[in-house]
C-alpha atoms as a PDB file:
ATOM      1  CA  MET A   1     -15.156   1.834  -4.542  1.00  0.00           C
ATOM      2  CA  THR A   2     -14.036  -1.621  -3.447  1.00  0.00           C
ATOM      3  CA  LEU A   3     -10.679  -2.921  -2.230  1.00  0.00           C
ATOM      4  CA  ASP A   4      -9.964  -4.874  -5.449  1.00  0.00           C
ATOM      5  CA  GLN A   5      -9.942  -1.548  -7.357  1.00  0.00           C
ATOM      6  CA  LEU A   6      -7.237   0.121  -5.248  1.00  0.00           C
ATOM      7  CA  PRO A   7      -3.847   0.440  -7.031  1.00  0.00           C
ATOM      8  CA  ILE A   8      -0.735  -1.124  -5.582  1.00  0.00           C
ATOM      9  CA  GLY A   9       1.042   1.276  -3.236  1.00  0.00           C
ATOM     10  CA  SER A  10      -2.164   3.056  -2.161  1.00  0.00           C
ATOM     11  CA  ARG A  11      -3.806   3.349   1.243  1.00  0.00           C
ATOM     12  CA  CYS A  12      -7.496   3.421   2.098  1.00  0.00           C
ATOM     13  CA  ARG A  13      -9.940   3.163   4.971  1.00  0.00           C
ATOM     14  CA  ILE A  14     -12.512   0.384   5.059  1.00  0.00           C
ATOM     15  CA  THR A  15     -16.050   1.722   5.174  1.00  0.00           C
ATOM     16  CA  ALA A  16     -18.059  -1.533   5.079  1.00  0.00           C
ATOM     17  CA  VAL A  17     -17.662  -5.271   4.808  1.00  0.00           C
ATOM     18  CA  ASN A  18     -20.324  -6.866   2.611  1.00  0.00           C
ATOM     19  CA  GLY A  19     -21.053 -10.481   1.910  1.00  0.00           C
ATOM     20  CA  GLN A  20     -23.066 -12.933   3.960  1.00  0.00           C
ATOM     21  CA  GLY A  21     -22.563 -15.682   6.462  1.00  0.00           C
ATOM     22  CA  ALA A  22     -19.227 -17.400   6.825  1.00  0.00           C
ATOM     23  CA  LEU A  23     -17.418 -15.231   4.270  1.00  0.00           C
ATOM     24  CA  ARG A  24     -18.284 -12.009   6.019  1.00  0.00           C
ATOM     25  CA  ARG A  25     -17.391 -13.406   9.415  1.00  0.00           C
ATOM     26  CA  HIS A  26     -14.055 -14.663   8.043  1.00  0.00           C
ATOM     27  CA  LEU A  27     -13.164 -11.215   6.617  1.00  0.00           C
ATOM     28  CA  LEU A  28     -14.040  -9.555   9.894  1.00  0.00           C
ATOM     29  CA  ASP A  29     -12.048 -12.168  11.873  1.00  0.00           C
ATOM     30  CA  MET A  30      -8.988 -11.417   9.717  1.00  0.00           C
ATOM     31  CA  GLY A  31      -9.115  -7.766  10.895  1.00  0.00           C
ATOM     32  CA  LEU A  32     -10.862  -6.266   7.843  1.00  0.00           C
ATOM     33  CA  THR A  33     -13.241  -4.172   9.905  1.00  0.00           C
ATOM     34  CA  PRO A  34     -14.746  -0.725   9.228  1.00  0.00           C
ATOM     35  CA  HIS A  35     -12.415   2.248   9.945  1.00  0.00           C
ATOM     36  CA  THR A  36      -9.269   0.081   9.476  1.00  0.00           C
ATOM     37  CA  VAL A  37      -6.485   1.646   7.370  1.00  0.00           C
ATOM     38  CA  VAL A  38      -5.194  -0.748   4.688  1.00  0.00           C
ATOM     39  CA  PHE A  39      -2.110  -0.493   2.457  1.00  0.00           C
ATOM     40  CA  VAL A  40      -2.003  -2.537  -0.811  1.00  0.00           C
ATOM     41  CA  ARG A  41       1.562  -3.793  -0.743  1.00  0.00           C
ATOM     42  CA  LYS A  42       1.799  -5.958  -3.900  1.00  0.00           C
ATOM     43  CA  ALA A  43      -0.028  -8.356  -6.184  1.00  0.00           C
ATOM     44  CA  ALA A  44       0.821 -11.804  -7.408  1.00  0.00           C
ATOM     45  CA  PRO A  45       2.274 -12.023 -10.959  1.00  0.00           C
ATOM     46  CA  MET A  46      -1.180 -12.782 -12.456  1.00  0.00           C
ATOM     47  CA  GLY A  47      -2.802 -10.094 -10.284  1.00  0.00           C
ATOM     48  CA  ASP A  48      -4.602 -12.391  -7.883  1.00  0.00           C
ATOM     49  CA  PRO A  49      -4.209 -12.534  -4.871  1.00  0.00           C
ATOM     50  CA  ILE A  50      -3.140  -9.155  -3.424  1.00  0.00           C
ATOM     51  CA  GLU A  51      -1.086  -8.583  -0.324  1.00  0.00           C
ATOM     52  CA  LEU A  52      -2.313  -6.038   2.219  1.00  0.00           C
ATOM     53  CA  ARG A  53      -0.683  -4.458   5.246  1.00  0.00           C
ATOM     54  CA  LEU A  54      -3.035  -3.644   8.112  1.00  0.00           C
ATOM     55  CA  ARG A  55      -2.878  -3.628  11.902  1.00  0.00           C
ATOM     56  CA  GLY A  56       0.843  -4.403  11.841  1.00  0.00           C
ATOM     57  CA  TYR A  57       0.713  -7.573   9.767  1.00  0.00           C
ATOM     58  CA  GLN A  58       0.538  -8.720   6.113  1.00  0.00           C
ATOM     59  CA  LEU A  59      -2.589 -10.406   4.795  1.00  0.00           C
ATOM     60  CA  THR A  60      -3.086 -12.045   1.419  1.00  0.00           C
ATOM     61  CA  ILE A  61      -6.628 -11.959   0.005  1.00  0.00           C
ATOM     62  CA  ARG A  62      -8.256 -13.081  -3.235  1.00  0.00           C
ATOM     63  CA  LEU A  63      -9.665 -10.344  -5.469  1.00  0.00           C
ATOM     64  CA  GLU A  64     -13.053 -12.074  -5.340  1.00  0.00           C
ATOM     65  CA  ASP A  65     -13.079 -11.514  -1.560  1.00  0.00           C
ATOM     66  CA  ALA A  66     -11.666  -8.006  -1.877  1.00  0.00           C
ATOM     67  CA  ARG A  67     -14.707  -7.047  -3.982  1.00  0.00           C
ATOM     68  CA  GLN A  68     -16.823  -7.479  -0.821  1.00  0.00           C
ATOM     69  CA  ILE A  69     -14.991  -4.672   1.016  1.00  0.00           C
ATOM     70  CA  ASP A  70     -16.071  -1.089   0.459  1.00  0.00           C
ATOM     71  CA  ILE A  71     -13.372   1.563   0.917  1.00  0.00           C
ATOM     72  CA  GLU A  72     -12.614   5.274   0.751  1.00  0.00           C
ATOM     73  CA  PRO A  73      -9.176   6.577  -0.292  1.00  0.00           C
ATOM     74  CA  LEU A  74      -7.324   8.538   2.397  1.00  0.00           C
ATOM     75  CA  GLU A  75      -6.738  12.244   1.928  1.00  0.00           C
ATOM     76  CA  GLY A  76      -3.737  12.824  -0.339  1.00  0.00           C
ATOM     77  CA  GLU A  77      -4.019   9.350  -1.830  1.00  0.00           C
ATOM     78  CA  ALA A  78      -5.066   8.389  -5.349  1.00  0.00           C
END
């Protein structure tokens, strides 16, 4: 499952960050690292981008980039 598939209001744990080169480095630099718990807070009116809450801050990310992040739902979620 990837981050773009997670419903609004759900939490997950990142298992892997895919992609190559600058995109992967940028995602990692923003704090989207394996084992990080992420909460999908809301989506823009047209569905893209989505707002995440992680590590005590909000991050907005495009769905195209969210497809590069593999996740696992937390126990009791989804």
